[in-house]
Protein backbone atom coordinates (compact mmCIF):
# COMPACT_ATOMS: atom_id res chain seq x y z
CA MET A 1 5.99 -8.11 -80.27
CA SER A 2 5.93 -10.31 -77.19
CA PHE A 3 5.35 -14.06 -77.09
CA PHE A 4 1.93 -13.68 -75.44
CA ALA A 5 0.90 -11.05 -77.98
CA ARG A 6 1.85 -13.33 -80.86
CA LYS A 7 -0.10 -16.24 -79.34
CA ARG A 8 -3.25 -14.12 -78.98
CA SER A 9 -2.89 -12.82 -82.51
CA VAL A 10 -3.35 -16.26 -84.07
CA VAL A 11 -6.35 -17.29 -81.96
CA THR A 12 -9.83 -16.44 -83.21
CA THR A 13 -13.12 -16.70 -81.22
CA SER A 14 -16.72 -16.37 -82.28
CA PRO A 15 -18.91 -13.54 -80.92
CA VAL A 16 -20.83 -16.09 -78.80
CA GLU A 17 -17.61 -17.52 -77.31
CA GLN A 18 -16.29 -13.99 -76.68
CA ALA A 19 -19.47 -13.03 -74.79
CA SER A 20 -19.24 -16.21 -72.71
CA GLN A 21 -15.64 -15.49 -71.80
CA ASN A 22 -16.47 -11.91 -70.89
CA GLY A 23 -19.30 -13.15 -68.65
CA SER A 24 -16.97 -15.57 -66.86
CA ILE A 25 -14.43 -12.83 -66.28
CA ALA A 26 -17.13 -10.51 -64.95
CA ARG A 27 -18.41 -13.19 -62.57
CA PHE A 28 -14.86 -13.90 -61.37
CA GLN A 29 -14.25 -10.23 -60.79
CA ASP A 30 -17.54 -9.96 -58.85
CA ARG A 31 -16.53 -12.88 -56.65
CA GLN A 32 -13.15 -11.23 -56.03
CA LYS A 33 -14.84 -7.98 -55.07
CA LYS A 34 -17.18 -9.83 -52.68
CA ARG A 35 -14.22 -11.60 -51.08
CA ARG A 36 -12.41 -8.29 -50.64
CA ARG A 37 -15.53 -6.75 -49.10
CA LEU A 38 -15.89 -9.72 -46.76
CA VAL A 39 -12.24 -9.47 -45.72
CA ILE A 40 -12.56 -5.73 -45.13
CA ALA A 41 -15.80 -6.27 -43.21
CA GLY A 42 -14.17 -9.04 -41.16
CA VAL A 43 -11.17 -6.86 -40.31
CA ALA A 44 -13.49 -4.00 -39.39
CA ALA A 45 -15.55 -6.32 -37.21
CA LEU A 46 -12.42 -7.57 -35.45
CA ALA A 47 -11.26 -4.00 -34.96
CA LEU A 48 -14.53 -3.36 -33.15
CA ILE A 49 -14.89 -6.68 -31.35
CA VAL A 50 -11.34 -7.06 -29.98
CA PRO A 51 -11.42 -3.81 -27.94
CA VAL A 52 -14.86 -4.78 -26.65
CA ILE A 53 -13.58 -8.20 -25.61
CA LEU A 54 -10.55 -6.62 -23.93
CA LEU A 55 -12.78 -4.05 -22.25
CA VAL A 56 -15.14 -6.74 -20.95
CA LYS A 57 -12.17 -8.80 -19.77
CA SER A 58 -10.74 -5.76 -18.00
CA MET A 59 -14.07 -4.95 -16.39
CA LEU A 60 -14.43 -8.51 -15.12
CA ALA A 61 -10.87 -8.45 -13.81
CA TYR A 62 -11.47 -5.05 -12.22
CA ARG A 63 -14.65 -6.29 -10.54
CA ALA A 64 -12.75 -9.29 -9.21
CA VAL A 65 -10.11 -6.99 -7.72
CA LEU A 66 -12.57 -4.81 -5.80
CA GLN A 67 -13.86 -6.30 -2.57
CA LYS A 68 -16.51 -5.19 -0.11
CA HIS A 69 -15.26 -2.52 2.27
CA THR A 70 -15.42 -3.19 6.00
CA GLY A 71 -14.27 -0.99 8.86
CA VAL A 72 -13.59 2.73 9.02
CA SER A 73 -13.50 4.83 5.84
CA ALA A 74 -10.85 7.40 4.98
CA GLU A 75 -12.81 10.63 5.13
CA ALA A 76 -9.88 12.55 3.66
CA LEU A 77 -10.33 10.67 0.37
CA GLN A 78 -13.95 11.76 0.14
CA GLN A 79 -13.12 15.48 0.20
CA PRO A 80 -12.93 17.50 -3.04
CA LYS A 81 -9.34 18.16 -4.10
CA SER A 82 -9.74 21.89 -3.46
CA VAL A 83 -10.96 21.47 0.13
CA ASP A 84 -8.57 21.04 3.05
CA PHE A 85 -9.81 18.25 5.31
CA ASP A 86 -10.98 19.71 8.63
CA SER A 87 -9.91 16.95 11.04
CA SER A 88 -11.31 16.37 14.53
CA TYR A 89 -8.66 13.90 15.74
CA GLU A 90 -4.90 13.62 15.32
CA ALA A 91 -3.88 12.42 11.85
CA GLU A 92 -7.50 11.94 10.79
CA GLY A 93 -6.61 13.61 7.50
CA ARG A 94 -4.30 10.74 6.56
CA VAL A 95 -5.21 7.61 4.61
CA ASN A 96 -3.67 4.41 5.99
CA ILE A 97 -3.51 1.48 3.57
CA LEU A 98 -2.37 -2.00 4.60
CA LEU A 99 -0.20 -3.68 1.95
CA LEU A 100 -0.10 -7.47 2.13
CA GLY A 101 1.96 -9.99 0.19
CA VAL A 102 0.88 -13.66 0.26
CA GLY A 103 2.06 -16.84 -1.44
CA ASP A 104 0.57 -18.28 -4.62
CA GLU A 105 -2.38 -20.62 -4.30
CA GLY A 106 -1.27 -24.21 -3.85
CA HIS A 107 2.16 -23.34 -2.45
CA ALA A 108 3.19 -24.22 1.08
CA GLY A 109 2.12 -21.49 3.51
CA SER A 110 0.23 -19.62 0.79
CA LEU A 111 -2.23 -18.19 3.32
CA LEU A 112 0.48 -16.64 5.49
CA ALA A 113 1.09 -12.91 5.09
CA ASP A 114 4.67 -12.83 3.81
CA THR A 115 4.74 -9.01 3.61
CA VAL A 116 3.03 -6.59 6.01
CA MET A 117 3.42 -2.88 5.34
CA VAL A 118 1.38 0.26 6.00
CA ALA A 119 1.40 3.17 3.56
CA SER A 120 0.14 6.39 5.12
CA ILE A 121 -0.75 9.25 2.76
CA ASP A 122 -1.86 12.82 3.37
CA PRO A 123 -3.84 13.68 0.21
CA GLU A 124 -3.59 17.40 0.92
CA THR A 125 0.19 17.74 1.36
CA LYS A 126 1.14 14.56 -0.59
CA ASP A 127 3.18 13.41 2.41
CA VAL A 128 3.82 9.66 2.26
CA ALA A 129 5.32 7.38 4.89
CA LEU A 130 5.89 3.61 4.71
CA LEU A 131 6.15 1.39 7.78
CA SER A 132 7.02 -2.31 7.56
CA LEU A 133 6.17 -4.76 10.32
CA PRO A 134 8.03 -8.02 10.96
CA ARG A 135 5.86 -10.94 9.96
CA ASP A 136 6.92 -12.78 13.13
CA LEU A 137 5.69 -9.98 15.42
CA TYR A 138 3.87 -11.61 18.34
CA VAL A 139 0.35 -10.14 18.43
CA ALA A 140 -3.06 -10.74 19.98
CA MET A 141 -5.67 -12.23 17.65
CA PRO A 142 -9.32 -11.89 18.73
CA GLY A 143 -10.69 -15.37 19.26
CA TYR A 144 -7.35 -17.13 18.79
CA GLY A 145 -5.08 -15.91 21.58
CA LYS A 146 -1.60 -14.83 20.46
CA ASP A 147 0.52 -15.84 17.48
CA LYS A 148 2.75 -14.44 14.78
CA LEU A 149 1.35 -11.56 12.73
CA ASN A 150 1.55 -13.47 9.45
CA ALA A 151 -0.66 -16.22 10.92
CA VAL A 152 -3.57 -13.80 11.45
CA HIS A 153 -4.29 -13.81 7.72
CA SER A 154 -4.08 -17.60 7.54
CA TYR A 155 -6.44 -18.22 10.49
CA ALA A 156 -9.06 -15.85 9.10
CA GLU A 157 -8.83 -17.18 5.53
CA GLN A 158 -9.29 -20.74 6.73
CA ARG A 159 -12.39 -19.66 8.61
CA LYS A 160 -13.83 -17.86 5.56
CA ALA A 161 -12.25 -16.95 2.23
CA GLY A 162 -11.70 -13.21 1.94
CA GLU A 163 -11.61 -12.60 5.70
CA GLY A 164 -7.81 -12.60 5.94
CA PRO A 165 -7.25 -8.94 4.99
CA VAL A 166 -10.18 -7.84 7.18
CA ALA A 167 -8.65 -9.54 10.22
CA MET A 168 -5.22 -8.11 9.38
CA LYS A 169 -6.66 -4.58 9.22
CA GLU A 170 -8.10 -5.01 12.71
CA VAL A 171 -4.99 -6.52 14.29
CA VAL A 172 -2.49 -4.15 12.65
CA GLY A 173 -4.67 -1.16 13.50
CA THR A 174 -4.87 -2.20 17.16
CA THR A 175 -1.15 -2.98 17.34
CA LEU A 176 -0.11 0.39 15.91
CA ASP A 177 -2.97 2.40 17.47
CA ILE A 178 -4.06 3.86 14.12
CA PRO A 179 -7.11 3.33 11.90
CA ILE A 180 -6.43 1.10 8.90
CA HIS A 181 -8.79 2.34 6.23
CA ASN A 182 -8.09 0.02 3.31
CA TYR A 183 -5.96 -2.88 2.17
CA ILE A 184 -4.28 -4.10 -1.01
CA ARG A 185 -3.27 -7.76 -1.13
CA ALA A 186 -1.13 -9.31 -3.88
CA ASP A 187 0.28 -12.78 -4.33
CA PHE A 188 3.73 -13.60 -5.72
CA THR A 189 2.56 -14.14 -9.30
CA GLY A 190 0.63 -10.88 -9.36
CA PHE A 191 3.66 -9.01 -8.04
CA ALA A 192 6.00 -10.51 -10.65
CA LYS A 193 3.55 -9.97 -13.53
CA ALA A 194 3.03 -6.35 -12.53
CA ILE A 195 6.80 -5.71 -12.54
CA ASP A 196 7.12 -7.38 -15.96
CA THR A 197 4.23 -5.33 -17.34
CA LEU A 198 6.07 -2.19 -16.27
CA GLY A 199 9.13 -3.41 -18.16
CA GLY A 200 11.08 -4.17 -14.99
CA VAL A 201 12.38 -1.81 -12.32
CA THR A 202 15.77 -0.29 -11.48
CA VAL A 203 17.15 -0.54 -7.94
CA GLU A 204 20.41 0.25 -6.22
CA VAL A 205 21.83 -2.81 -4.45
CA ALA A 206 24.08 -1.57 -1.64
CA THR A 207 25.95 -4.84 -1.06
CA PRO A 208 26.02 -8.18 -2.90
CA LEU A 209 23.14 -10.47 -1.89
CA TYR A 210 23.48 -14.21 -1.51
CA ASP A 211 20.93 -16.63 -0.08
CA SER A 212 21.90 -20.27 -0.61
CA GLU A 213 18.60 -21.47 0.92
CA TYR A 214 16.26 -19.54 -1.36
CA PRO A 215 13.58 -22.02 -2.51
CA CYS A 216 13.17 -23.24 -6.07
CA THR A 217 10.30 -21.76 -8.06
CA ARG A 218 8.80 -25.08 -9.10
CA ASP A 219 9.31 -26.88 -5.79
CA GLU A 220 9.76 -24.74 -2.68
CA ARG A 221 10.85 -27.80 -0.71
CA LEU A 222 14.15 -27.61 -2.60
CA ALA A 223 16.79 -24.86 -2.37
CA CYS A 224 17.99 -23.26 -5.62
CA GLY A 225 19.65 -20.22 -4.06
CA PHE A 226 19.71 -16.58 -5.09
CA GLN A 227 22.45 -14.04 -5.64
CA LEU A 228 22.58 -10.49 -6.92
CA ALA A 229 25.61 -8.27 -7.46
CA ALA A 230 25.95 -4.84 -5.89
CA GLY A 231 25.31 -1.69 -7.92
CA THR A 232 22.53 -0.49 -10.21
CA GLN A 233 20.41 -3.47 -11.23
CA GLN A 234 17.54 -3.81 -13.69
CA LEU A 235 15.16 -6.43 -12.27
CA ASN A 236 12.46 -8.36 -14.09
CA GLY A 237 9.46 -9.75 -12.21
CA ALA A 238 11.04 -13.06 -11.18
CA THR A 239 14.26 -11.44 -9.91
CA ALA A 240 12.37 -8.63 -8.18
CA LEU A 241 10.36 -11.25 -6.29
CA LYS A 242 13.54 -12.95 -5.11
CA PHE A 243 15.02 -9.57 -4.18
CA ALA A 244 11.92 -8.91 -2.07
CA ARG A 245 11.71 -12.34 -0.44
CA CYS A 246 15.27 -13.44 0.33
CA ARG A 247 15.98 -13.28 4.07
CA LYS A 248 18.83 -15.68 4.76
CA GLY A 249 22.54 -15.67 3.93
CA ASN A 250 23.52 -12.00 3.86
CA CYS A 251 20.05 -10.75 2.83
CA GLY A 252 19.56 -9.25 6.27
CA ASN A 253 16.74 -11.33 7.85
CA ASP A 254 13.14 -10.06 7.95
CA PHE A 255 14.17 -6.50 8.74
CA GLY A 256 16.47 -6.25 5.72
CA ARG A 257 13.84 -7.83 3.53
CA ALA A 258 11.26 -5.27 4.65
CA ALA A 259 13.58 -2.43 3.66
CA ARG A 260 14.08 -3.94 0.18
CA GLN A 261 10.33 -4.34 -0.28
CA GLN A 262 9.90 -0.63 0.38
CA GLN A 263 12.69 0.08 -2.10
CA LEU A 264 10.86 -1.94 -4.77
CA MET A 265 7.59 -0.11 -4.13
CA ILE A 266 9.22 3.25 -4.68
CA ALA A 267 11.01 1.98 -7.81
CA ALA A 268 7.76 0.56 -9.22
CA ARG A 269 5.99 3.87 -8.68
CA GLU A 270 8.76 5.71 -10.52
CA LYS A 271 8.67 3.25 -13.43
CA ALA A 272 4.89 3.42 -13.68
CA LEU A 273 5.02 7.21 -13.99
CA SER A 274 8.02 7.34 -16.35
CA ALA A 275 6.51 4.67 -18.60
CA GLN A 276 3.15 6.49 -18.55
CA THR A 277 1.47 3.23 -17.63
CA LEU A 278 -1.81 4.87 -16.74
CA THR A 279 -2.09 6.32 -20.27
CA ASN A 280 -0.70 3.30 -22.14
CA PRO A 281 -3.65 0.98 -22.98
CA ALA A 282 -1.47 -2.10 -23.53
CA LYS A 283 0.36 -1.76 -20.21
CA LEU A 284 -2.78 -0.81 -18.36
CA LEU A 285 -4.62 -3.85 -19.70
CA GLY A 286 -1.63 -5.99 -18.76
CA LEU A 287 -1.71 -4.69 -15.20
CA ILE A 288 -5.46 -5.21 -14.92
CA ASP A 289 -5.08 -8.74 -16.25
CA ALA A 290 -2.42 -9.48 -13.63
CA PHE A 291 -4.43 -7.85 -10.88
CA GLY A 292 -7.68 -9.58 -11.78
CA SER A 293 -6.43 -12.96 -10.66
CA HIS A 294 -3.83 -12.03 -8.10
CA VAL A 295 -4.75 -8.76 -6.37
CA ARG A 296 -7.58 -7.79 -4.03
CA THR A 297 -8.47 -4.43 -2.46
CA ASP A 298 -11.38 -2.83 -0.66
CA LEU A 299 -10.63 0.58 -2.16
CA GLY A 300 -13.55 1.86 -4.21
CA SER A 301 -13.15 2.92 -7.83
CA ASP A 302 -13.47 6.63 -6.94
CA GLU A 303 -10.90 6.22 -4.16
CA ILE A 304 -8.49 4.48 -6.55
CA THR A 305 -8.86 7.35 -9.02
CA ARG A 306 -8.24 9.93 -6.29
CA LEU A 307 -5.21 8.03 -4.98
CA ALA A 308 -3.77 7.73 -8.48
CA GLU A 309 -3.90 11.53 -8.77
CA VAL A 310 -2.21 11.90 -5.39
CA VAL A 311 0.51 9.35 -6.13
CA GLN A 312 1.47 11.08 -9.37
CA ALA A 313 2.06 14.33 -7.46
CA ILE A 314 4.28 12.79 -4.76
CA ASP A 315 7.89 13.93 -4.51
CA PRO A 316 9.85 10.64 -4.15
CA THR A 317 12.73 12.41 -2.40
CA LYS A 318 10.38 13.33 0.45
CA MET A 319 8.91 9.87 0.99
CA ARG A 320 9.80 8.45 4.39
CA SER A 321 10.22 4.73 5.01
CA LYS A 322 10.86 2.91 8.27
CA VAL A 323 10.98 -0.66 9.56
CA VAL A 324 9.88 -1.83 12.99
CA ASP A 325 13.15 -3.53 13.87
CA GLY A 326 15.56 -4.18 16.69
CA GLU A 327 18.64 -2.81 14.98
CA VAL A 328 18.09 0.70 13.63
CA GLU A 329 14.92 1.79 15.46
CA GLN A 330 15.44 -0.60 18.41
CA LEU A 331 11.75 -1.25 18.92
CA VAL A 332 11.65 -5.05 19.05
CA GLN A 333 13.72 -8.10 19.87
CA THR A 334 13.56 -11.82 19.10
CA ALA A 335 12.36 -14.29 21.72
CA LEU A 336 11.36 -17.95 22.07
CA ILE A 337 7.70 -18.56 22.96
CA GLY A 338 6.35 -22.09 22.93
CA GLY A 339 9.50 -23.24 21.15
CA ALA A 340 8.94 -20.81 18.26
CA SER A 341 11.11 -17.82 17.40
CA VAL A 342 9.02 -14.65 17.50
CA VAL A 343 9.52 -10.88 17.55
CA VAL A 344 8.30 -9.04 20.66
CA PRO A 345 8.34 -5.38 21.77
CA LEU A 346 11.58 -4.27 23.38
CA ARG A 347 9.60 -2.44 26.08
CA SER A 348 9.98 -4.26 29.41
CA ASP A 349 6.24 -4.48 30.10
CA GLY A 350 5.63 -6.15 26.73
CA THR A 351 3.20 -3.51 25.51
CA TYR A 352 3.29 -1.88 22.08
CA THR A 353 3.33 1.67 23.47
CA THR A 354 6.78 2.57 22.12
CA ILE A 355 5.93 1.13 18.70
CA GLN A 356 2.68 3.09 18.68
CA ASN A 357 4.40 6.34 19.59
CA PHE A 358 6.92 5.73 16.84
CA THR A 359 4.08 5.13 14.36
CA HIS A 360 2.33 8.34 15.39
CA SER A 361 5.53 10.33 14.87
CA LEU A 362 5.90 8.83 11.39
CA PHE A 363 2.25 9.28 10.39
CA PHE A 364 2.03 12.76 11.86
CA ASP A 365 -0.78 15.30 11.72
CA ARG A 366 0.26 18.27 9.60
CA HIS A 367 -1.75 20.72 11.71
CA ILE A 368 0.11 19.83 14.91
CA VAL A 369 3.45 20.27 13.14
CA GLU A 370 2.40 23.54 11.50
CA GLU A 371 1.01 25.06 14.71
CA ASN A 372 3.97 23.86 16.79
CA VAL A 373 2.45 25.48 19.87
CA PRO A 374 4.51 25.01 23.09
CA ILE A 375 2.75 22.85 25.67
CA GLU A 376 3.49 22.87 29.38
CA LEU A 377 2.59 19.48 30.86
CA VAL A 378 1.72 19.43 34.54
CA ASP A 379 1.64 16.11 36.40
CA ALA A 380 -1.31 16.04 38.81
CA THR A 381 -2.00 12.34 38.31
CA GLY A 382 -0.19 11.16 41.41
CA ARG A 383 1.33 8.35 39.31
CA ALA A 384 4.70 8.99 37.71
CA GLN A 385 4.51 6.14 35.20
CA LYS A 386 1.08 7.18 34.03
CA PHE A 387 2.28 10.74 33.48
CA THR A 388 5.32 9.47 31.57
CA ASP A 389 3.15 7.29 29.33
CA ILE A 390 0.78 10.14 28.52
CA SER A 391 3.57 12.65 27.84
CA ASP A 392 5.38 10.13 25.63
CA ARG A 393 2.16 9.51 23.74
CA LEU A 394 1.67 13.23 23.11
CA ALA A 395 5.29 13.63 22.06
CA GLY A 396 4.71 10.74 19.65
CA TYR A 397 1.98 12.76 18.00
CA ARG A 398 4.58 15.53 17.59
CA TYR A 399 3.08 17.94 20.09
CA ASN A 400 5.71 20.46 21.15
CA ILE A 401 6.18 19.51 24.82
CA SER A 402 8.15 22.48 26.11
CA SER A 403 8.23 21.53 29.82
CA ARG A 404 7.11 18.90 32.33
CA THR A 405 6.35 19.92 35.91
CA THR A 406 4.65 18.36 38.94
CA ALA A 407 1.74 19.70 41.01
CA LEU A 408 -0.52 18.46 43.77
CA GLN A 409 -2.73 15.56 42.77
CA GLN A 410 -6.18 16.39 41.44
CA SER A 411 -8.81 14.26 39.75
CA GLU A 412 -9.81 16.43 36.81
CA THR A 413 -7.74 17.37 33.77
CA GLN A 414 -7.55 21.05 32.76
CA LEU A 415 -6.69 22.53 29.37
CA LEU A 416 -5.65 26.19 29.48
CA PHE A 417 -4.20 28.49 26.83
CA ALA A 418 -2.61 31.92 26.80
CA PRO A 419 -4.56 34.87 25.38
CA GLY A 420 -4.05 35.20 21.64
CA THR A 421 -2.84 31.61 21.19
CA ALA A 422 -3.36 30.36 17.61
CA ALA A 423 -3.75 26.63 18.03
CA LYS A 424 -7.13 25.68 16.59
CA TYR A 425 -6.32 22.06 15.83
CA SER A 426 -4.02 21.31 18.76
CA LEU A 427 -6.66 22.54 21.22
CA ARG A 428 -9.41 20.65 19.41
CA TYR A 429 -7.46 17.39 19.47
CA LEU A 430 -6.59 17.71 23.16
CA GLU A 431 -10.20 18.48 24.03
CA LYS A 432 -11.31 15.30 22.26
CA ARG A 433 -8.52 13.18 23.70
CA PHE A 434 -9.05 14.15 27.35
CA ASN A 435 -12.76 14.97 27.17
CA VAL A 436 -12.27 18.53 28.49
CA SER A 437 -13.07 22.05 27.32
CA ALA A 438 -10.21 24.46 26.68
CA ARG A 439 -10.37 27.90 28.27
CA GLU A 440 -8.28 31.02 28.10
CA ASP A 441 -6.19 31.78 31.19
CA ALA A 442 -4.03 34.87 31.67
CA SER A 443 -1.69 32.95 33.99
CA VAL A 444 -0.42 30.99 31.00
CA GLN A 445 2.45 33.01 29.55
CA GLN A 446 2.48 31.37 26.12
CA GLY A 447 0.93 28.44 24.30
CA ILE A 448 -0.94 25.74 26.22
CA ARG A 449 -0.86 24.41 29.75
CA LEU A 450 -2.23 20.86 30.15
CA ILE A 451 -2.77 19.78 33.77
CA LEU A 452 -3.21 16.01 33.80
CA GLY A 453 -5.46 14.77 36.59
CA SER A 454 -5.76 11.26 37.99
CA LYS A 455 -8.71 10.54 35.65
CA ALA A 456 -6.62 11.26 32.54
CA THR A 457 -6.29 8.37 30.12
CA THR A 458 -3.57 7.41 27.68
CA GLU A 459 -6.15 6.47 25.08
CA THR A 460 -8.10 8.77 22.76
CA GLU A 461 -11.78 9.03 23.67
CA ARG A 462 -13.54 8.20 20.40
């Protein structure tokens, strides 16, 4: 017999005392049951309330991200997925999105556009091309004269908060001779937080990077330096930001930095898909939280959903990325204007024509490439340079210029095609561009003959 059993065996209680003790025990047990019910109810309430709070927070963050759309819309994004966009102008079926990187609020030069890139997407074929512009590119700013491209955002933001991306869309679109449909702008913190939420990204570093002048995180007036070994590197948000921003030492100036920024974009896309971020509530909420304070876009919610579907179907090996530079593409050069170092077009007349033609060839129209109809260009302009400019522009759009000949000057432009020619889109585009009507002509042996008159223009009539 145990000790406790022996102790109970020698204690006697009266019936009244026993009833009282039983009542106390019953009341204690009732209180315990009530506490358990309250705890269970509290846990259940939290289980319901926490998701609601997170959902409300996400909705508020999401609403903060989305900005009012201004400018031209991307009609190709409005089409049902099963319908091929029937374009009226070259590359109208593409969606051109301006990607901007700016400094954190309160930092020196926070309003300057540190990163300027255009992502062009064909939703039908999933073709994607990235083009980076040097931030020091010398451009015209309506109402302000000329200055560096990164200053456009700053001038407009100082005039009115939120106007920076709108002004950048206009200037970049004019500079490249393409419509900029939408923008996405992120600051440094948003970029780093997004990378961390993804769990970091993996990049291949071709050569060791070292920038002794890279600014300190806490005080950008001081230099803390940055270095990264060559090879396969796993980067967290902070290191990825340095990888994207370093431009001195052997980091390869602004052109090299632009190429690394494109590399990070592609790596982030791959990580987002492999980590199933879009279907992982925790990661998705983390991204929305980062974006709510640090990212802005004028893409609508339906457009974002459509783009997400397109991006998931993209073959990364077929993505094309280029930089407007003076080394590989030989499109620009550095110059001193007003004592400041700027980047200007390499073309002798200072125009952006060569850069625009390069952009058109990168953001090509799939119908022109698919039709590949031979075009005989006939110079009846009476001005050799004008004819050269027009033919270069058409070649930039990837028209198949099979020959260039000269004829007697005439004022009107003529668009002729051989019997049986299958070139629905090419003919339509040329009709729009030169404001002429195409007609069949038996004298044309094959394809199209375009006779450029003195009234022909190098610009699309829209």
